[in-house]
Protein backbone atom coordinates (compact mmCIF):
# COMPACT_ATOMS: atom_id res chain seq x y z
CA MET A 1 0.25 -0.18 -0.36
CA ALA A 2 2.87 2.41 0.85
CA VAL A 3 4.63 1.73 -1.94
CA MET A 4 1.02 3.17 -3.82
CA ARG A 5 0.88 6.42 -1.98
CA GLU A 6 4.55 7.06 -3.07
CA VAL A 7 4.62 5.77 -6.19
CA HIS A 8 6.76 8.39 -7.31
CA TYR A 9 9.64 7.29 -4.86
CA TYR A 10 10.01 3.69 -5.48
CA GLU A 11 10.39 4.03 -9.70
CA ASN A 12 13.75 2.82 -9.69
CA THR A 13 12.51 0.14 -8.22
CA ILE A 14 9.13 -0.21 -9.60
CA ARG A 15 10.46 0.14 -13.23
CA TYR A 16 12.32 -3.28 -13.22
CA LEU A 17 9.52 -5.68 -11.79
CA PRO A 18 8.30 -8.61 -13.89
CA GLU A 19 5.24 -8.13 -16.19
CA VAL A 20 2.59 -9.65 -13.57
CA LEU A 21 3.38 -6.80 -10.70
CA LYS A 22 3.79 -4.26 -12.71
CA THR A 23 0.08 -5.04 -14.41
CA LYS A 24 -1.69 -5.39 -10.81
CA MET A 25 -0.11 -2.18 -10.03
CA ALA A 26 -1.29 -1.09 -12.90
CA MET A 27 -4.94 -1.82 -12.30
CA VAL A 28 -4.69 -1.18 -8.65
CA LEU A 29 -3.25 2.70 -9.71
CA ALA A 30 -6.57 2.84 -12.52
CA LYS A 31 -8.48 2.29 -9.70
CA ARG A 32 -7.75 4.36 -7.62
CA GLY A 33 -7.62 7.17 -10.34
CA MET A 34 -3.31 7.36 -10.27
CA LEU A 35 -2.25 6.24 -13.09
CA SER A 36 -1.11 9.46 -15.16
CA GLU A 37 1.22 10.17 -17.79
CA ARG A 38 4.40 9.89 -15.58
CA THR A 39 3.64 6.18 -13.91
CA MET A 40 2.36 4.95 -16.99
CA ASN A 41 5.82 4.77 -18.15
CA LEU A 42 6.09 2.77 -15.19
CA VAL A 43 3.78 -0.26 -15.31
CA LEU A 44 2.31 -0.59 -18.60
CA HIS A 45 4.22 -2.75 -20.86
CA LYS A 46 3.06 -5.18 -24.00
CA GLY A 47 1.35 -7.90 -21.92
CA ILE A 48 -1.17 -5.50 -20.75
CA LEU A 49 -4.73 -6.30 -22.31
CA GLU A 50 -7.22 -4.29 -21.32
CA LEU A 51 -7.42 -0.66 -18.65
CA ASP A 52 -10.30 0.76 -17.06
CA LEU A 53 -9.54 4.36 -16.96
CA SER A 54 -12.89 6.06 -15.82
CA ALA A 55 -11.23 6.66 -12.82
CA CYS A 56 -8.13 8.83 -14.37
CA GLU A 57 -7.87 11.99 -15.62
CA VAL A 58 -6.44 10.92 -19.37
CA THR A 59 -4.50 13.20 -21.48
CA VAL A 60 -3.79 13.02 -25.15
CA ARG A 61 0.43 12.25 -24.15
CA GLY A 62 -1.44 9.65 -21.47
CA MET A 63 -3.11 7.89 -24.84
CA LEU A 64 0.09 8.36 -26.92
CA CYS A 65 2.17 6.34 -23.98
CA ILE A 66 -0.92 3.73 -23.94
CA CYS A 67 -0.57 3.08 -27.39
CA THR A 68 2.99 2.83 -27.45
CA PHE A 69 3.22 0.16 -24.43
CA CYS A 70 0.10 -1.70 -24.68
CA PRO A 71 -0.55 -2.68 -28.39
CA MET A 72 -2.49 -5.20 -27.78
CA LEU A 73 -5.11 -3.67 -25.60
CA LYS A 74 -8.29 -5.73 -26.55
CA THR A 75 -11.11 -3.26 -23.85
CA ILE A 76 -10.01 -0.29 -22.95
CA ASP A 77 -12.21 2.12 -20.80
CA PHE A 78 -12.09 5.89 -21.80
CA GLY A 79 -15.81 5.92 -20.29
CA THR A 80 -17.03 8.81 -17.43
CA SER A 81 -19.53 8.88 -15.10
CA ALA A 82 -19.32 12.15 -13.68
CA GLY A 83 -19.01 15.28 -16.42
CA CYS A 84 -17.78 14.55 -19.55
CA ARG A 85 -13.87 14.27 -21.51
CA SER A 86 -13.66 17.07 -23.79
CA THR A 87 -9.47 17.38 -24.17
CA LEU A 88 -9.21 14.28 -25.76
CA THR A 89 -9.54 15.16 -29.54
CA SER A 90 -10.81 12.72 -32.92
CA GLN A 91 -7.55 12.84 -33.84
CA ALA A 92 -5.92 11.69 -30.95
CA PHE A 93 -8.99 8.66 -30.82
CA CYS A 94 -7.32 8.37 -34.72
CA SER A 95 -4.10 8.00 -33.51
CA PHE A 96 -4.11 5.97 -30.83
CA PHE A 97 -7.30 3.38 -32.57
CA MET A 98 -4.48 2.89 -35.64
CA GLN A 99 -2.05 1.84 -32.99
CA CYS A 100 -4.17 -0.99 -30.90
CA ARG A 101 -5.90 -2.27 -33.95
CA MET A 102 -6.82 -5.62 -31.14
CA LEU A 103 -9.28 -4.23 -29.06
CA GLN A 104 -12.64 -5.72 -28.84
CA ILE A 105 -14.11 -4.18 -25.99
CA VAL A 106 -14.56 -0.09 -25.66
CA ASN A 107 -15.74 2.32 -23.86
CA LEU A 108 -16.26 5.92 -25.12
CA LYS A 109 -18.92 7.06 -23.09
CA CYS A 110 -19.95 10.95 -22.52
CA CYS A 111 -15.65 11.80 -24.34
CA THR A 112 -17.65 14.69 -26.75
CA LEU A 113 -14.76 15.51 -28.77
CA MET A 114 -15.31 11.82 -30.57
CA ASP A 115 -16.74 12.39 -34.26
CA ASN A 116 -17.55 10.63 -36.91
CA ASN A 117 -14.57 10.38 -38.08
CA ALA A 118 -13.47 8.70 -34.65
CA VAL A 119 -15.35 6.14 -35.43
CA MET A 120 -14.51 5.68 -38.31
CA CYS A 121 -10.95 5.19 -37.64
CA LEU A 122 -11.78 3.30 -35.02
CA VAL A 123 -13.85 0.99 -36.80
CA GLU A 124 -12.02 0.25 -40.00
CA SER A 125 -8.51 -0.31 -37.94
CA CYS A 126 -11.15 -2.90 -35.21
CA ALA A 127 -11.81 -5.66 -37.17
CA TYR A 128 -12.66 -7.73 -33.74
CA LEU A 129 -15.07 -5.07 -32.23
CA VAL A 130 -17.04 -6.77 -29.68
CA CYS A 131 -18.90 -4.18 -27.48
CA LEU A 132 -18.77 0.03 -28.37
CA CYS A 133 -20.46 2.69 -25.90
CA LEU A 134 -20.49 6.52 -27.30
CA ALA A 135 -23.29 6.90 -25.02
CA GLY A 136 -22.99 10.41 -24.55
CA CYS A 137 -20.56 11.71 -27.64
CA HIS A 138 -22.95 14.20 -29.34
CA MET A 139 -21.69 14.74 -32.08
CA ILE A 140 -22.00 11.09 -33.54
CA SER A 141 -24.54 10.71 -36.02
CA ASP A 142 -25.88 8.16 -39.16
CA LYS A 143 -22.19 8.88 -40.65
CA ALA A 144 -20.80 7.09 -37.92
CA LEU A 145 -23.68 4.78 -37.70
CA HIS A 146 -23.26 3.58 -41.38
CA SER A 147 -19.58 3.31 -40.59
CA ILE A 148 -20.06 0.86 -38.33
CA ALA A 149 -22.90 -1.53 -39.98
CA GLN A 150 -20.62 -2.25 -43.00
CA LYS A 151 -17.05 -2.47 -40.75
CA CYS A 152 -17.81 -3.99 -37.41
CA ARG A 153 -18.75 -8.20 -39.05
CA TYR A 154 -18.80 -9.22 -35.07
CA LEU A 155 -20.37 -6.68 -33.32
CA GLN A 156 -22.80 -7.60 -30.20
CA ALA A 157 -23.85 -4.96 -27.99
CA LEU A 158 -23.79 -1.22 -29.20
CA ASP A 159 -24.75 1.83 -27.51
CA LEU A 160 -25.75 5.48 -28.99
CA ALA A 161 -27.65 6.32 -25.78
CA LYS A 162 -27.84 10.35 -26.21
CA THR A 163 -26.07 10.70 -30.03
CA LYS A 164 -27.52 12.23 -33.42
CA VAL A 165 -28.00 8.80 -34.55
CA SER A 166 -31.30 8.59 -36.96
CA THR A 167 -33.80 6.01 -38.15
CA ASP A 168 -31.98 6.83 -41.47
CA GLY A 169 -28.56 4.88 -39.88
CA LEU A 170 -30.13 2.47 -37.80
CA VAL A 171 -32.36 1.33 -41.10
CA ALA A 172 -28.61 0.26 -42.23
CA PHE A 173 -29.06 -2.69 -39.84
CA LYS A 174 -31.17 -4.59 -42.73
CA ASP A 175 -27.66 -5.34 -44.46
CA ALA A 176 -25.27 -5.10 -41.74
CA CYS A 177 -22.49 -7.71 -41.56
CA CYS A 178 -23.30 -8.20 -37.60
CA SER A 179 -27.11 -8.18 -37.70
CA LYS A 180 -26.99 -11.34 -37.05
CA PHE A 181 -24.60 -10.71 -33.88
CA LEU A 182 -26.46 -7.66 -32.24
CA LYS A 183 -27.64 -8.83 -29.14
CA GLU A 184 -27.49 -5.80 -26.78
CA LEU A 185 -29.01 -1.80 -28.31
CA ASN A 186 -28.81 1.53 -26.34
CA ILE A 187 -30.90 4.14 -28.45
CA SER A 188 -32.27 6.17 -25.22
CA HIS A 189 -33.08 9.85 -25.83
CA CYS A 190 -32.04 9.96 -29.68
CA LEU A 191 -34.73 12.10 -30.69
CA ASN A 192 -34.78 11.67 -34.15
CA VAL A 193 -35.78 7.31 -33.58
CA THR A 194 -38.69 5.91 -35.04
CA ASP A 195 -40.95 3.14 -35.60
CA GLU A 196 -39.58 2.62 -38.54
CA ALA A 197 -36.23 2.06 -36.78
CA VAL A 198 -37.55 -0.18 -33.38
CA GLU A 199 -39.28 -2.74 -36.10
CA VAL A 200 -36.22 -3.13 -38.57
CA LEU A 201 -33.70 -3.75 -35.72
CA PHE A 202 -36.15 -6.80 -34.52
CA THR A 203 -36.79 -8.30 -38.38
CA HIS A 204 -33.26 -8.20 -39.02
CA CYS A 205 -31.30 -8.79 -35.61
CA PRO A 206 -32.49 -12.47 -34.62
CA ARG A 207 -30.44 -12.39 -31.76
CA LEU A 208 -31.27 -9.01 -30.65
CA SER A 209 -32.37 -9.62 -26.69
CA ILE A 210 -32.16 -5.83 -24.90
CA LEU A 211 -33.09 -3.09 -26.97
CA VAL A 212 -33.73 0.61 -24.67
CA PHE A 213 -35.25 2.80 -26.35
CA HIS A 214 -36.95 5.32 -23.23
CA GLY A 215 -36.52 9.20 -24.33
CA CYS A 216 -36.83 8.99 -27.92
CA PRO A 217 -40.25 11.41 -28.42
CA ARG A 218 -40.71 9.40 -31.58
CA LEU A 219 -41.61 6.44 -30.47
CA THR A 220 -45.42 5.41 -30.23
CA SER A 221 -47.07 1.79 -29.31
CA HIS A 222 -46.42 0.73 -32.46
CA SER A 223 -42.30 -0.04 -31.14
CA TYR A 224 -44.11 -1.71 -28.41
CA ASP A 225 -46.20 -4.10 -29.69
CA VAL A 226 -43.26 -5.44 -31.98
CA ALA A 227 -40.97 -5.63 -29.19
CA SER A 228 -43.78 -7.32 -27.22
CA THR A 229 -43.92 -10.48 -30.29
CA CYS A 230 -40.34 -11.26 -29.94
CA ALA A 231 -39.70 -14.17 -27.50
CA GLY A 232 -35.86 -13.99 -27.53
CA LEU A 233 -36.51 -10.68 -25.64
CA LYS A 234 -34.86 -10.36 -22.07
CA GLN A 235 -35.12 -6.96 -21.40
CA ILE A 236 -36.64 -3.78 -22.87
CA SER A 237 -37.17 -0.46 -21.61
CA TRP A 238 -39.24 2.43 -23.76
CA THR A 239 -41.32 5.61 -22.57
CA ILE A 240 -45.18 6.40 -23.00
CA TYR A 241 -45.50 9.01 -24.44
């Protein structure tokens, strides 16, 4: 515990620790919000496959450290439940995704500078995406959704809450390469989603078992009627207007 509190005092010792111990230190530091640019240089290494940075202050330089030391990452969590991340740029995300091509689970919740171009970089670079959260990324629109539908063959869970996606983007799942795999979708508070989109999703995504669409004012009871006929549905959330 003392090492964690005074990590900089033990820099020379930490630098030569075996990777298995560095991995454990990285996880503890991240959980405590102490994984900074300086500590990243000490504990990160190519054997780390998962990083949860939701409690940490992350900078563009920190992102560069991560993709330099951990190019084999499979899971990355940049999301935050408190406020938003407004310093990580679209260009920084593009550079990150192009260097961490093994990513499967990506959480970008409330990364407000994340835009369509960054999403296109992500889906072009990371062919094995299984779970993607873009909730609160208010610059994301149908253009990004079309790229996701075309490129993310293995996608099983997608969170688009509070984005600008609309029915025009969601109907792309008629022909999406992931339509047979998609199990979870959150489109809550997407103001331009209509009943047509919900009908398309349930018609062309046979494994869809969780659909969250509360706070969508253009949806009617027809969407609920369509959803209620789906035998595989496990969870549904919607708002009556």
